[in-house]
Amino acid sequence: MRRFSSVPALAQPRAPGCGTVLPVDTWAEVAGASTGRRTSPAAVTIGTFDGVHRGHQHLLTRTREVADGLPVVAITFDPHPLAVTRPDLAPVLLTTIERRVELLRAHGADEVRVLDFTREMAAWSPAEFVDRALVQDLEARHVVVGESFRFGARAAGDTDFLREHCARLGVSAEPLTLLRDGEFSSTQVRRHVAAGDLLAAAEVLGRPHEVAGTVTQGDQRGRDLGYPTANVPVDEHYAVPPDGVYAGRFVVAGATYPAAVSIGTNPTFDGRERRVESYVMDHGHDLDLYGRDVRVELVEQVRTMASFDSVDALVAQMRDDVEAVRVVLGH
């Protein structure tokens, strides 16, 4: 992922209503995201957008409503701001930055921007943040944010300041509640995932929670047992539910397959590495998946993890797990 300034220093624009020339922002180059300076007005929504849950989707819908025909631009951050300002408090993430960009576009953003969040950016005053991140490079005319959005050095900027400062620049700003029929927050999704309640997580997200990664070569025991699996190592920076067996869907190269998914260390064989192991039902012997980037959608837990006294007992349980997954998925 490349980082670069979008406008040469000699071509730095002035923010509307500002008397000084400001250095331009630095945008991260991520697949599906834009980096060049806008030359026409836009309606902008900004937030971390981790998970792009139903509350975030509501923000995008409202931004489209106030845009009055202008393009909708969604701004997100990478890394998570807390990973820079308070690493000890940084949460595990629900989505990779690439998936976040994809979801923002799927839910209505015409353009997505990724702010390369650094210590320097964290030191910007609230006014500087608005001038540089929203107005100068993006020609923002309307701004929509969640009501709890905070910004600027020490999170000193709130939605009241945003409205007042934007008004001085001729820009409308609207804070919006993300609470509709319950709490729609990334924190709530993380709690549900940590508890293994994938149905509750999906209710907030509007889709199943998923993990993503690259398929690596495992111990190949599953193939010997008649249940070959695609193995993805668990990344501690992302939200993964407790060890157990889950009904899920395996997504690769745009194709989706039903899958029985085991998360854990494979205690029957004294394994140590925590993995997400997916048995792609009815296709497990046909797919060449090593080295492929995949997503695993986790629909519902079938059982908790257990250790078995014999291989035969494990195979019998795996057979039962696959049938249970078929029932959950209606497959």
C-alpha atoms as a PDB file:
ATOM      1  CA  MET A   1       0.000   0.000   0.000  1.00  0.00           C
ATOM      2  CA  ARG A   2       1.639   3.232  -1.163  1.00  0.00           C
ATOM      3  CA  ARG A   3       1.318   6.606   0.553  1.00  0.00           C
ATOM      4  CA  PHE A   4       1.750   9.883  -1.247  1.00  0.00           C
ATOM      5  CA  SER A   5       0.674  13.511  -1.388  1.00  0.00           C
ATOM      6  CA  SER A   6      -2.009  14.096  -3.953  1.00  0.00           C
ATOM      7  CA  VAL A   7      -0.966  17.591  -5.075  1.00  0.00           C
ATOM      8  CA  PRO A   8       2.561  18.926  -5.717  1.00  0.00           C
ATOM      9  CA  ALA A   9       3.739  21.525  -3.220  1.00  0.00           C
ATOM     10  CA  LEU A  10       3.688  24.311  -5.820  1.00  0.00           C
ATOM     11  CA  ALA A  11       0.059  23.644  -6.609  1.00  0.00           C
ATOM     12  CA  GLN A  12      -1.336  23.746  -3.101  1.00  0.00           C
ATOM     13  CA  PRO A  13      -4.935  25.062  -3.121  1.00  0.00           C
ATOM     14  CA  ARG A  14      -6.508  27.369  -0.589  1.00  0.00           C
ATOM     15  CA  ALA A  15      -9.385  26.115   1.507  1.00  0.00           C
ATOM     16  CA  PRO A  16     -12.485  28.262   0.887  1.00  0.00           C
ATOM     17  CA  GLY A  17     -12.563  31.121   3.355  1.00  0.00           C
ATOM     18  CA  CYS A  18      -9.025  30.482   4.564  1.00  0.00           C
ATOM     19  CA  GLY A  19      -6.307  33.077   4.285  1.00  0.00           C
ATOM     20  CA  THR A  20      -3.348  30.727   4.269  1.00  0.00           C
ATOM     21  CA  VAL A  21      -2.131  28.087   1.890  1.00  0.00           C
ATOM     22  CA  LEU A  22      -2.158  24.664   3.574  1.00  0.00           C
ATOM     23  CA  PRO A  23      -0.048  21.632   2.710  1.00  0.00           C
ATOM     24  CA  VAL A  24      -2.126  18.900   1.136  1.00  0.00           C
ATOM     25  CA  ASP A  25      -3.140  15.666   2.813  1.00  0.00           C
ATOM     26  CA  THR A  26      -1.502  12.348   2.322  1.00  0.00           C
ATOM     27  CA  TRP A  27      -3.753   9.618   0.968  1.00  0.00           C
ATOM     28  CA  ALA A  28      -3.028   5.902   0.976  1.00  0.00           C
ATOM     29  CA  GLU A  29      -3.163   4.021  -2.285  1.00  0.00           C
ATOM     30  CA  VAL A  30      -5.524   1.096  -1.704  1.00  0.00           C
ATOM     31  CA  ALA A  31      -7.297  -0.988  -4.319  1.00  0.00           C
ATOM     32  CA  GLY A  32     -10.572   0.740  -5.185  1.00  0.00           C
ATOM     33  CA  ALA A  33      -9.692   4.010  -3.402  1.00  0.00           C
ATOM     34  CA  SER A  34      -8.953   7.376  -4.994  1.00  0.00           C
ATOM     35  CA  THR A  35      -5.945   9.588  -4.347  1.00  0.00           C
ATOM     36  CA  GLY A  36      -5.895  12.583  -6.723  1.00  0.00           C
ATOM     37  CA  ARG A  37      -7.240  16.023  -5.804  1.00  0.00           C
ATOM     38  CA  ARG A  38     -10.895  16.581  -6.633  1.00  0.00           C
ATOM     39  CA  THR A  39     -11.662  19.455  -8.975  1.00  0.00           C
ATOM     40  CA  SER A  40     -15.434  19.533  -8.420  1.00  0.00           C
ATOM     41  CA  PRO A  41     -17.639  19.657  -5.297  1.00  0.00           C
ATOM     42  CA  ALA A  42     -18.686  16.568  -3.360  1.00  0.00           C
ATOM     43  CA  ALA A  43     -20.729  15.424  -0.392  1.00  0.00           C
ATOM     44  CA  VAL A  44     -18.441  13.792   2.156  1.00  0.00           C
ATOM     45  CA  THR A  45     -18.891  11.362   5.017  1.00  0.00           C
ATOM     46  CA  ILE A  46     -15.978  10.482   7.263  1.00  0.00           C
ATOM     47  CA  GLY A  47     -15.312   7.860   9.915  1.00  0.00           C
ATOM     48  CA  THR A  48     -13.300   4.783  10.730  1.00  0.00           C
ATOM     49  CA  PHE A  49     -16.100   2.670   9.200  1.00  0.00           C
ATOM     50  CA  ASP A  50     -14.675  -0.576  10.579  1.00  0.00           C
ATOM     51  CA  GLY A  51     -17.027  -3.334   9.483  1.00  0.00           C
ATOM     52  CA  VAL A  52     -19.211  -0.952   7.438  1.00  0.00           C
ATOM     53  CA  HIS A  53     -22.171  -1.982   9.609  1.00  0.00           C
ATOM     54  CA  ARG A  54     -25.788  -0.873   9.268  1.00  0.00           C
ATOM     55  CA  GLY A  55     -25.119   2.384  11.102  1.00  0.00           C
ATOM     56  CA  HIS A  56     -22.369   3.235   8.623  1.00  0.00           C
ATOM     57  CA  GLN A  57     -24.690   2.266   5.787  1.00  0.00           C
ATOM     58  CA  HIS A  58     -27.242   4.714   7.199  1.00  0.00           C
ATOM     59  CA  LEU A  59     -24.576   7.451   7.065  1.00  0.00           C
ATOM     60  CA  LEU A  60     -23.918   6.695   3.411  1.00  0.00           C
ATOM     61  CA  THR A  61     -27.635   6.778   2.610  1.00  0.00           C
ATOM     62  CA  ARG A  62     -28.060  10.137   4.356  1.00  0.00           C
ATOM     63  CA  THR A  63     -25.013  11.555   2.583  1.00  0.00           C
ATOM     64  CA  ARG A  64     -26.600  10.576  -0.721  1.00  0.00           C
ATOM     65  CA  GLU A  65     -29.812  12.359   0.323  1.00  0.00           C
ATOM     66  CA  VAL A  66     -28.087  15.661   1.153  1.00  0.00           C
ATOM     67  CA  ALA A  67     -25.727  15.447  -1.832  1.00  0.00           C
ATOM     68  CA  ASP A  68     -28.365  16.836  -4.165  1.00  0.00           C
ATOM     69  CA  GLY A  69     -26.721  15.189  -7.158  1.00  0.00           C
ATOM     70  CA  LEU A  70     -23.106  15.662  -6.040  1.00  0.00           C
ATOM     71  CA  PRO A  71     -20.800  12.622  -5.841  1.00  0.00           C
ATOM     72  CA  VAL A  72     -20.624  10.911  -2.437  1.00  0.00           C
ATOM     73  CA  VAL A  73     -17.086  10.559  -1.043  1.00  0.00           C
ATOM     74  CA  ALA A  74     -16.377   8.352   1.979  1.00  0.00           C
ATOM     75  CA  ILE A  75     -13.191   8.988   3.970  1.00  0.00           C
ATOM     76  CA  THR A  76     -11.765   6.307   6.232  1.00  0.00           C
ATOM     77  CA  PHE A  77      -8.518   5.875   8.173  1.00  0.00           C
ATOM     78  CA  ASP A  78      -5.633   3.459   7.995  1.00  0.00           C
ATOM     79  CA  PRO A  79      -4.313   2.541  10.463  1.00  0.00           C
ATOM     80  CA  HIS A  80      -7.067   2.858  13.059  1.00  0.00           C
ATOM     81  CA  PRO A  81      -6.480   6.208  14.837  1.00  0.00           C
ATOM     82  CA  LEU A  82      -6.146   4.516  18.235  1.00  0.00           C
ATOM     83  CA  ALA A  83      -3.349   2.346  16.871  1.00  0.00           C
ATOM     84  CA  VAL A  84      -1.395   5.607  16.505  1.00  0.00           C
ATOM     85  CA  THR A  85      -2.553   7.646  19.498  1.00  0.00           C
ATOM     86  CA  ARG A  86      -3.207   4.908  22.088  1.00  0.00           C
ATOM     87  CA  PRO A  87      -1.876   1.559  20.845  1.00  0.00           C
ATOM     88  CA  ASP A  88      -2.813  -0.057  24.158  1.00  0.00           C
ATOM     89  CA  LEU A  89      -6.469   0.718  23.447  1.00  0.00           C
ATOM     90  CA  ALA A  90      -6.497  -0.110  19.729  1.00  0.00           C
ATOM     91  CA  PRO A  91      -9.309  -2.578  18.949  1.00  0.00           C
ATOM     92  CA  VAL A  92      -9.092  -5.681  16.830  1.00  0.00           C
ATOM     93  CA  LEU A  93     -10.448  -4.915  13.368  1.00  0.00           C
ATOM     94  CA  LEU A  94     -13.535  -6.302  11.667  1.00  0.00           C
ATOM     95  CA  THR A  95     -12.337  -5.829   8.092  1.00  0.00           C
ATOM     96  CA  THR A  96      -9.132  -5.334   6.152  1.00  0.00           C
ATOM     97  CA  ILE A  97      -8.721  -1.889   4.636  1.00  0.00           C
ATOM     98  CA  GLU A  98      -9.200  -3.359   1.151  1.00  0.00           C
ATOM     99  CA  ARG A  99     -12.480  -4.993   2.147  1.00  0.00           C
ATOM    100  CA  ARG A 100     -13.603  -1.797   3.888  1.00  0.00           C
ATOM    101  CA  VAL A 101     -13.098   0.180   0.672  1.00  0.00           C
ATOM    102  CA  GLU A 102     -15.012  -2.462  -1.272  1.00  0.00           C
ATOM    103  CA  LEU A 103     -17.927  -2.387   1.179  1.00  0.00           C
ATOM    104  CA  LEU A 104     -18.109   1.410   1.271  1.00  0.00           C
ATOM    105  CA  ARG A 105     -18.409   1.472  -2.498  1.00  0.00           C
ATOM    106  CA  ALA A 106     -20.960  -1.337  -2.463  1.00  0.00           C
ATOM    107  CA  HIS A 107     -23.118   0.638  -0.032  1.00  0.00           C
ATOM    108  CA  GLY A 108     -23.238   3.860  -1.994  1.00  0.00           C
ATOM    109  CA  ALA A 109     -19.927   5.731  -2.003  1.00  0.00           C
ATOM    110  CA  ASP A 110     -18.979   6.966  -5.467  1.00  0.00           C
ATOM    111  CA  GLU A 111     -15.437   7.466  -4.244  1.00  0.00           C
ATOM    112  CA  VAL A 112     -13.472   6.268  -1.214  1.00  0.00           C
ATOM    113  CA  ARG A 113     -10.442   7.977   0.292  1.00  0.00           C
ATOM    114  CA  VAL A 114      -8.077   6.413   2.839  1.00  0.00           C
ATOM    115  CA  LEU A 115      -6.296   8.865   5.130  1.00  0.00           C
ATOM    116  CA  ASP A 116      -2.826   7.673   6.077  1.00  0.00           C
ATOM    117  CA  PHE A 117      -3.239   8.379   9.778  1.00  0.00           C
ATOM    118  CA  THR A 118       0.080   9.346  11.339  1.00  0.00           C
ATOM    119  CA  ARG A 119       1.303  11.051  14.514  1.00  0.00           C
ATOM    120  CA  GLU A 120       1.643  14.248  12.497  1.00  0.00           C
ATOM    121  CA  MET A 121      -1.985  14.061  11.426  1.00  0.00           C
ATOM    122  CA  ALA A 122      -3.045  13.233  14.994  1.00  0.00           C
ATOM    123  CA  ALA A 123      -1.533  16.581  16.056  1.00  0.00           C
ATOM    124  CA  TRP A 124      -3.676  18.661  13.677  1.00  0.00           C
ATOM    125  CA  SER A 125      -6.078  21.053  15.370  1.00  0.00           C
ATOM    126  CA  PRO A 126      -9.788  20.438  14.703  1.00  0.00           C
ATOM    127  CA  ALA A 127      -9.887  23.406  12.303  1.00  0.00           C
ATOM    128  CA  GLU A 128      -6.817  22.159  10.462  1.00  0.00           C
ATOM    129  CA  PHE A 129      -8.370  18.719  10.133  1.00  0.00           C
ATOM    130  CA  VAL A 130     -11.525  20.132   8.539  1.00  0.00           C
ATOM    131  CA  ASP A 131      -9.600  22.471   6.256  1.00  0.00           C
ATOM    132  CA  ARG A 132      -7.129  19.853   5.067  1.00  0.00           C
ATOM    133  CA  ALA A 133      -9.031  16.572   5.139  1.00  0.00           C
ATOM    134  CA  LEU A 134     -12.480  17.720   4.078  1.00  0.00           C
ATOM    135  CA  VAL A 135     -12.339  20.995   2.213  1.00  0.00           C
ATOM    136  CA  GLN A 136      -8.972  21.623   0.618  1.00  0.00           C
ATOM    137  CA  ASP A 137      -8.463  18.401  -1.300  1.00  0.00           C
ATOM    138  CA  LEU A 138     -12.041  17.183  -1.683  1.00  0.00           C
ATOM    139  CA  GLU A 139     -14.065  20.354  -2.382  1.00  0.00           C
ATOM    140  CA  ALA A 140     -16.578  19.249   0.281  1.00  0.00           C
ATOM    141  CA  ARG A 141     -19.907  21.094   0.179  1.00  0.00           C
ATOM    142  CA  HIS A 142     -21.811  18.810   2.558  1.00  0.00           C
ATOM    143  CA  VAL A 143     -20.422  16.717   5.423  1.00  0.00           C
ATOM    144  CA  VAL A 144     -22.262  13.930   7.269  1.00  0.00           C
ATOM    145  CA  VAL A 145     -20.753  12.197  10.333  1.00  0.00           C
ATOM    146  CA  GLY A 146     -21.862   9.995  13.209  1.00  0.00           C
ATOM    147  CA  GLU A 147     -22.978  11.960  16.255  1.00  0.00           C
ATOM    148  CA  SER A 148     -20.029  10.680  18.322  1.00  0.00           C
ATOM    149  CA  PHE A 149     -17.398  11.610  15.716  1.00  0.00           C
ATOM    150  CA  ARG A 150     -14.374  13.306  17.300  1.00  0.00           C
ATOM    151  CA  PHE A 151     -11.356  14.671  15.485  1.00  0.00           C
ATOM    152  CA  GLY A 152      -8.258  16.829  15.793  1.00  0.00           C
ATOM    153  CA  ALA A 153      -5.509  16.789  18.407  1.00  0.00           C
ATOM    154  CA  ARG A 154      -6.615  14.960  21.573  1.00  0.00           C
ATOM    155  CA  ALA A 155     -10.025  14.454  19.900  1.00  0.00           C
ATOM    156  CA  ALA A 156     -10.855  18.061  20.775  1.00  0.00           C
ATOM    157  CA  GLY A 157     -13.205  18.547  17.835  1.00  0.00           C
ATOM    158  CA  ASP A 158     -16.829  17.480  18.195  1.00  0.00           C
ATOM    159  CA  THR A 159     -19.906  17.781  15.990  1.00  0.00           C
ATOM    160  CA  ASP A 160     -20.788  21.237  17.369  1.00  0.00           C
ATOM    161  CA  PHE A 161     -17.374  22.540  16.336  1.00  0.00           C
ATOM    162  CA  LEU A 162     -17.703  20.777  12.989  1.00  0.00           C
ATOM    163  CA  ARG A 163     -20.992  22.518  12.219  1.00  0.00           C
ATOM    164  CA  GLU A 164     -19.721  25.929  13.291  1.00  0.00           C
ATOM    165  CA  HIS A 165     -16.404  25.733  11.455  1.00  0.00           C
ATOM    166  CA  CYS A 166     -17.945  24.286   8.297  1.00  0.00           C
ATOM    167  CA  ALA A 167     -20.588  27.036   8.309  1.00  0.00           C
ATOM    168  CA  ARG A 168     -17.817  29.651   8.211  1.00  0.00           C
ATOM    169  CA  LEU A 169     -16.474  27.900   5.107  1.00  0.00           C
ATOM    170  CA  GLY A 170     -19.848  27.699   3.381  1.00  0.00           C
ATOM    171  CA  VAL A 171     -20.125  23.952   4.006  1.00  0.00           C
ATOM    172  CA  SER A 172     -23.108  22.235   5.610  1.00  0.00           C
ATOM    173  CA  ALA A 173     -22.396  19.647   8.322  1.00  0.00           C
ATOM    174  CA  GLU A 174     -24.831  17.176   9.833  1.00  0.00           C
ATOM    175  CA  PRO A 175     -24.240  14.749  12.725  1.00  0.00           C
ATOM    176  CA  LEU A 176     -26.375  11.629  12.509  1.00  0.00           C
ATOM    177  CA  THR A 177     -27.329   9.047  15.103  1.00  0.00           C
ATOM    178  CA  LEU A 178     -26.276   5.481  14.339  1.00  0.00           C
ATOM    179  CA  LEU A 179     -28.832   4.022  16.753  1.00  0.00           C
ATOM    180  CA  ARG A 180     -31.809   2.512  14.968  1.00  0.00           C
ATOM    181  CA  ASP A 181     -33.575  -0.525  16.422  1.00  0.00           C
ATOM    182  CA  GLY A 182     -30.596  -1.156  18.698  1.00  0.00           C
ATOM    183  CA  GLU A 183     -26.949  -0.229  18.981  1.00  0.00           C
ATOM    184  CA  PHE A 184     -25.152  -0.166  15.655  1.00  0.00           C
ATOM    185  CA  SER A 185     -21.479   0.113  16.488  1.00  0.00           C
ATOM    186  CA  SER A 186     -18.242  -1.614  15.599  1.00  0.00           C
ATOM    187  CA  THR A 187     -17.630  -2.148  19.325  1.00  0.00           C
ATOM    188  CA  GLN A 188     -20.891  -4.062  19.622  1.00  0.00           C
ATOM    189  CA  VAL A 189     -19.944  -6.282  16.668  1.00  0.00           C
ATOM    190  CA  ARG A 190     -16.584  -7.057  18.283  1.00  0.00           C
ATOM    191  CA  ARG A 191     -18.363  -8.079  21.504  1.00  0.00           C
ATOM    192  CA  HIS A 192     -20.718 -10.383  19.638  1.00  0.00           C
ATOM    193  CA  VAL A 193     -17.857 -11.980  17.710  1.00  0.00           C
ATOM    194  CA  ALA A 194     -15.783 -12.452  20.874  1.00  0.00           C
ATOM    195  CA  ALA A 195     -18.766 -14.202  22.468  1.00  0.00           C
ATOM    196  CA  GLY A 196     -19.282 -16.431  19.426  1.00  0.00           C
ATOM    197  CA  ASP A 197     -22.716 -14.919  18.752  1.00  0.00           C
ATOM    198  CA  LEU A 198     -22.407 -14.652  14.980  1.00  0.00           C
ATOM    199  CA  LEU A 199     -26.149 -14.177  14.470  1.00  0.00           C
ATOM    200  CA  ALA A 200     -26.120 -11.050  16.656  1.00  0.00           C
ATOM    201  CA  ALA A 201     -23.010  -9.776  14.847  1.00  0.00           C
ATOM    202  CA  ALA A 202     -24.734 -10.276  11.498  1.00  0.00           C
ATOM    203  CA  GLU A 203     -27.762  -8.344  12.734  1.00  0.00           C
ATOM    204  CA  VAL A 204     -25.568  -5.272  13.313  1.00  0.00           C
ATOM    205  CA  LEU A 205     -23.441  -5.737  10.197  1.00  0.00           C
ATOM    206  CA  GLY A 206     -26.298  -6.535   7.849  1.00  0.00           C
ATOM    207  CA  ARG A 207     -24.331  -9.588   6.638  1.00  0.00           C
ATOM    208  CA  PRO A 208     -22.255 -12.389   8.198  1.00  0.00           C
ATOM    209  CA  HIS A 209     -19.006 -11.512   9.933  1.00  0.00           C
ATOM    210  CA  GLU A 210     -16.016 -12.746   7.955  1.00  0.00           C
ATOM    211  CA  VAL A 211     -12.315 -13.402   8.252  1.00  0.00           C
ATOM    212  CA  ALA A 212      -9.898 -13.007   5.388  1.00  0.00           C
ATOM    213  CA  GLY A 213      -6.429 -14.225   4.545  1.00  0.00           C
ATOM    214  CA  THR A 214      -4.220 -16.262   2.270  1.00  0.00           C
ATOM    215  CA  VAL A 215      -4.559 -20.041   2.155  1.00  0.00           C
ATOM    216  CA  THR A 216      -1.423 -21.761   3.435  1.00  0.00           C
ATOM    217  CA  GLN A 217      -0.374 -25.387   3.447  1.00  0.00           C
ATOM    218  CA  GLY A 218      -1.425 -27.127   6.650  1.00  0.00           C
ATOM    219  CA  ASP A 219      -0.751 -30.589   8.033  1.00  0.00           C
ATOM    220  CA  GLN A 220      -2.925 -32.176   5.305  1.00  0.00           C
ATOM    221  CA  ARG A 221      -4.560 -34.440   7.882  1.00  0.00           C
ATOM    222  CA  GLY A 222      -8.000 -33.374   6.675  1.00  0.00           C
ATOM    223  CA  ARG A 223      -7.303 -34.723   3.214  1.00  0.00           C
ATOM    224  CA  ASP A 224      -6.207 -38.060   4.688  1.00  0.00           C
ATOM    225  CA  LEU A 225      -9.422 -38.156   6.747  1.00  0.00           C
ATOM    226  CA  GLY A 226     -11.654 -37.400   3.762  1.00  0.00           C
ATOM    227  CA  TYR A 227     -12.261 -33.760   4.678  1.00  0.00           C
ATOM    228  CA  PRO A 228      -9.604 -31.582   2.990  1.00  0.00           C
ATOM    229  CA  THR A 229      -9.498 -28.055   4.375  1.00  0.00           C
ATOM    230  CA  ALA A 230      -8.264 -24.660   3.238  1.00  0.00           C
ATOM    231  CA  ASN A 231      -6.181 -23.252   6.092  1.00  0.00           C
ATOM    232  CA  VAL A 232      -5.885 -19.562   6.914  1.00  0.00           C
ATOM    233  CA  PRO A 233      -3.697 -18.580   9.906  1.00  0.00           C
ATOM    234  CA  VAL A 234      -5.474 -16.447  12.499  1.00  0.00           C
ATOM    235  CA  ASP A 235      -4.304 -12.820  12.454  1.00  0.00           C
ATOM    236  CA  GLU A 236      -4.423 -11.423  16.000  1.00  0.00           C
ATOM    237  CA  HIS A 237      -5.183  -7.939  14.649  1.00  0.00           C
ATOM    238  CA  TYR A 238      -8.624  -9.028  13.410  1.00  0.00           C
ATOM    239  CA  ALA A 239     -11.768 -10.189  15.206  1.00  0.00           C
ATOM    240  CA  VAL A 240     -12.053 -13.982  15.212  1.00  0.00           C
ATOM    241  CA  PRO A 241     -14.690 -15.862  17.238  1.00  0.00           C
ATOM    242  CA  PRO A 242     -13.870 -18.463  19.919  1.00  0.00           C
ATOM    243  CA  ASP A 243     -12.555 -21.885  18.979  1.00  0.00           C
ATOM    244  CA  GLY A 244     -15.261 -24.130  17.617  1.00  0.00           C
ATOM    245  CA  VAL A 245     -16.996 -25.359  14.481  1.00  0.00           C
ATOM    246  CA  TYR A 246     -19.083 -22.958  12.420  1.00  0.00           C
ATOM    247  CA  ALA A 247     -21.453 -23.004   9.491  1.00  0.00           C
ATOM    248  CA  GLY A 248     -20.034 -20.671   6.895  1.00  0.00           C
ATOM    249  CA  ARG A 249     -19.420 -19.752   3.310  1.00  0.00           C
ATOM    250  CA  PHE A 250     -16.075 -19.779   1.553  1.00  0.00           C
ATOM    251  CA  VAL A 251     -15.481 -16.979  -0.966  1.00  0.00           C
ATOM    252  CA  VAL A 252     -12.687 -17.147  -3.535  1.00  0.00           C
ATOM    253  CA  ALA A 253     -12.303 -15.379  -6.875  1.00  0.00           C
ATOM    254  CA  GLY A 254     -15.904 -14.185  -6.764  1.00  0.00           C
ATOM    255  CA  ALA A 255     -17.355 -17.666  -6.172  1.00  0.00           C
ATOM    256  CA  THR A 256     -19.113 -18.644  -2.942  1.00  0.00           C
ATOM    257  CA  TYR A 257     -19.292 -22.183  -1.542  1.00  0.00           C
ATOM    258  CA  PRO A 258     -20.941 -23.640   1.591  1.00  0.00           C
ATOM    259  CA  ALA A 259     -18.321 -24.602   4.159  1.00  0.00           C
ATOM    260  CA  ALA A 260     -17.859 -26.279   7.525  1.00  0.00           C
ATOM    261  CA  VAL A 261     -15.330 -24.112   9.340  1.00  0.00           C
ATOM    262  CA  SER A 262     -13.151 -25.140  12.269  1.00  0.00           C
ATOM    263  CA  ILE A 263     -11.408 -22.431  14.270  1.00  0.00           C
ATOM    264  CA  GLY A 264      -8.736 -23.472  16.738  1.00  0.00           C
ATOM    265  CA  THR A 265      -5.485 -25.323  17.241  1.00  0.00           C
ATOM    266  CA  ASN A 266      -6.662 -28.859  16.361  1.00  0.00           C
ATOM    267  CA  PRO A 267      -6.399 -30.190  19.937  1.00  0.00           C
ATOM    268  CA  THR A 268      -6.878 -33.845  18.963  1.00  0.00           C
ATOM    269  CA  PHE A 269      -3.418 -33.704  17.363  1.00  0.00           C
ATOM    270  CA  ASP A 270      -1.884 -31.339  19.938  1.00  0.00           C
ATOM    271  CA  GLY A 271      -1.728 -28.486  17.442  1.00  0.00           C
ATOM    272  CA  ARG A 272      -0.379 -25.108  18.499  1.00  0.00           C
ATOM    273  CA  GLU A 273      -1.077 -22.710  15.629  1.00  0.00           C
ATOM    274  CA  ARG A 274      -4.568 -21.217  15.668  1.00  0.00           C
ATOM    275  CA  ARG A 275      -6.151 -21.487  12.236  1.00  0.00           C
ATOM    276  CA  VAL A 276      -9.382 -21.022  10.358  1.00  0.00           C
ATOM    277  CA  GLU A 277      -9.818 -24.333   8.531  1.00  0.00           C
ATOM    278  CA  SER A 278     -12.602 -24.523   5.937  1.00  0.00           C
ATOM    279  CA  TYR A 279     -13.963 -27.733   4.464  1.00  0.00           C
ATOM    280  CA  VAL A 280     -15.531 -26.548   1.209  1.00  0.00           C
ATOM    281  CA  MET A 281     -18.516 -28.850   1.041  1.00  0.00           C
ATOM    282  CA  ASP A 282     -18.984 -30.834  -2.182  1.00  0.00           C
ATOM    283  CA  HIS A 283     -15.921 -29.113  -3.703  1.00  0.00           C
ATOM    284  CA  GLY A 284     -13.141 -29.784  -1.196  1.00  0.00           C
ATOM    285  CA  HIS A 285     -11.292 -32.188  -3.486  1.00  0.00           C
ATOM    286  CA  ASP A 286     -11.670 -30.055  -6.628  1.00  0.00           C
ATOM    287  CA  LEU A 287     -10.266 -26.644  -5.709  1.00  0.00           C
ATOM    288  CA  ASP A 288      -6.617 -25.601  -5.876  1.00  0.00           C
ATOM    289  CA  LEU A 289      -6.512 -22.977  -3.136  1.00  0.00           C
ATOM    290  CA  TYR A 290      -2.919 -22.714  -1.912  1.00  0.00           C
ATOM    291  CA  GLY A 291      -1.751 -19.107  -2.075  1.00  0.00           C
ATOM    292  CA  ARG A 292      -5.224 -17.769  -2.872  1.00  0.00           C
ATOM    293  CA  ASP A 293      -6.700 -14.781  -1.056  1.00  0.00           C
ATOM    294  CA  VAL A 294     -10.042 -15.826   0.405  1.00  0.00           C
ATOM    295  CA  ARG A 295     -12.829 -14.691   2.706  1.00  0.00           C
ATOM    296  CA  VAL A 296     -14.672 -16.957   5.110  1.00  0.00           C
ATOM    297  CA  GLU A 297     -18.175 -15.847   6.093  1.00  0.00           C
ATOM    298  CA  LEU A 298     -19.129 -17.153   9.539  1.00  0.00           C
ATOM    299  CA  VAL A 299     -22.875 -17.711   9.869  1.00  0.00           C
ATOM    300  CA  GLU A 300     -23.467 -19.619  13.109  1.00  0.00           C
ATOM    301  CA  GLN A 301     -21.593 -21.738  15.626  1.00  0.00           C
ATOM    302  CA  VAL A 302     -22.392 -25.461  15.400  1.00  0.00           C
ATOM    303  CA  ARG A 303     -20.416 -26.609  18.437  1.00  0.00           C
ATOM    304  CA  THR A 304     -17.510 -25.677  20.657  1.00  0.00           C
ATOM    305  CA  MET A 305     -14.044 -27.148  20.138  1.00  0.00           C
ATOM    306  CA  ALA A 306     -13.318 -30.578  21.591  1.00  0.00           C
ATOM    307  CA  SER A 307     -10.477 -33.092  21.714  1.00  0.00           C
ATOM    308  CA  PHE A 308     -11.214 -36.700  20.680  1.00  0.00           C
ATOM    309  CA  ASP A 309      -9.709 -39.925  21.979  1.00  0.00           C
ATOM    310  CA  SER A 310      -9.376 -41.500  18.531  1.00  0.00           C
ATOM    311  CA  VAL A 311      -9.240 -40.574  14.861  1.00  0.00           C
ATOM    312  CA  ASP A 312     -12.397 -42.608  14.235  1.00  0.00           C
ATOM    313  CA  ALA A 313     -14.295 -40.567  16.827  1.00  0.00           C
ATOM    314  CA  LEU A 314     -13.044 -37.338  15.225  1.00  0.00           C
ATOM    315  CA  VAL A 315     -14.096 -38.453  11.736  1.00  0.00           C
ATOM    316  CA  ALA A 316     -17.554 -39.434  13.005  1.00  0.00           C
ATOM    317  CA  GLN A 317     -17.926 -35.995  14.596  1.00  0.00           C
ATOM    318  CA  MET A 318     -16.742 -34.269  11.410  1.00  0.00           C
ATOM    319  CA  ARG A 319     -19.425 -36.157   9.497  1.00  0.00           C
ATOM    320  CA  ASP A 320     -22.037 -34.936  11.975  1.00  0.00           C
ATOM    321  CA  ASP A 321     -20.647 -31.384  11.780  1.00  0.00           C
ATOM    322  CA  VAL A 322     -21.028 -31.289   8.009  1.00  0.00           C
ATOM    323  CA  GLU A 323     -24.647 -32.429   8.265  1.00  0.00           C
ATOM    324  CA  ALA A 324     -25.325 -29.814  10.946  1.00  0.00           C
ATOM    325  CA  VAL A 325     -23.809 -27.138   8.696  1.00  0.00           C
ATOM    326  CA  ARG A 326     -26.058 -28.240   5.835  1.00  0.00           C
ATOM    327  CA  VAL A 327     -29.085 -27.756   8.074  1.00  0.00           C
ATOM    328  CA  VAL A 328     -27.987 -24.260   9.156  1.00  0.00           C
ATOM    329  CA  LEU A 329     -27.248 -23.169   5.596  1.00  0.00           C
ATOM    330  CA  GLY A 330     -30.250 -24.953   4.084  1.00  0.00           C
ATOM    331  CA  HIS A 331     -27.886 -26.644   1.669  1.00  0.00           C
END
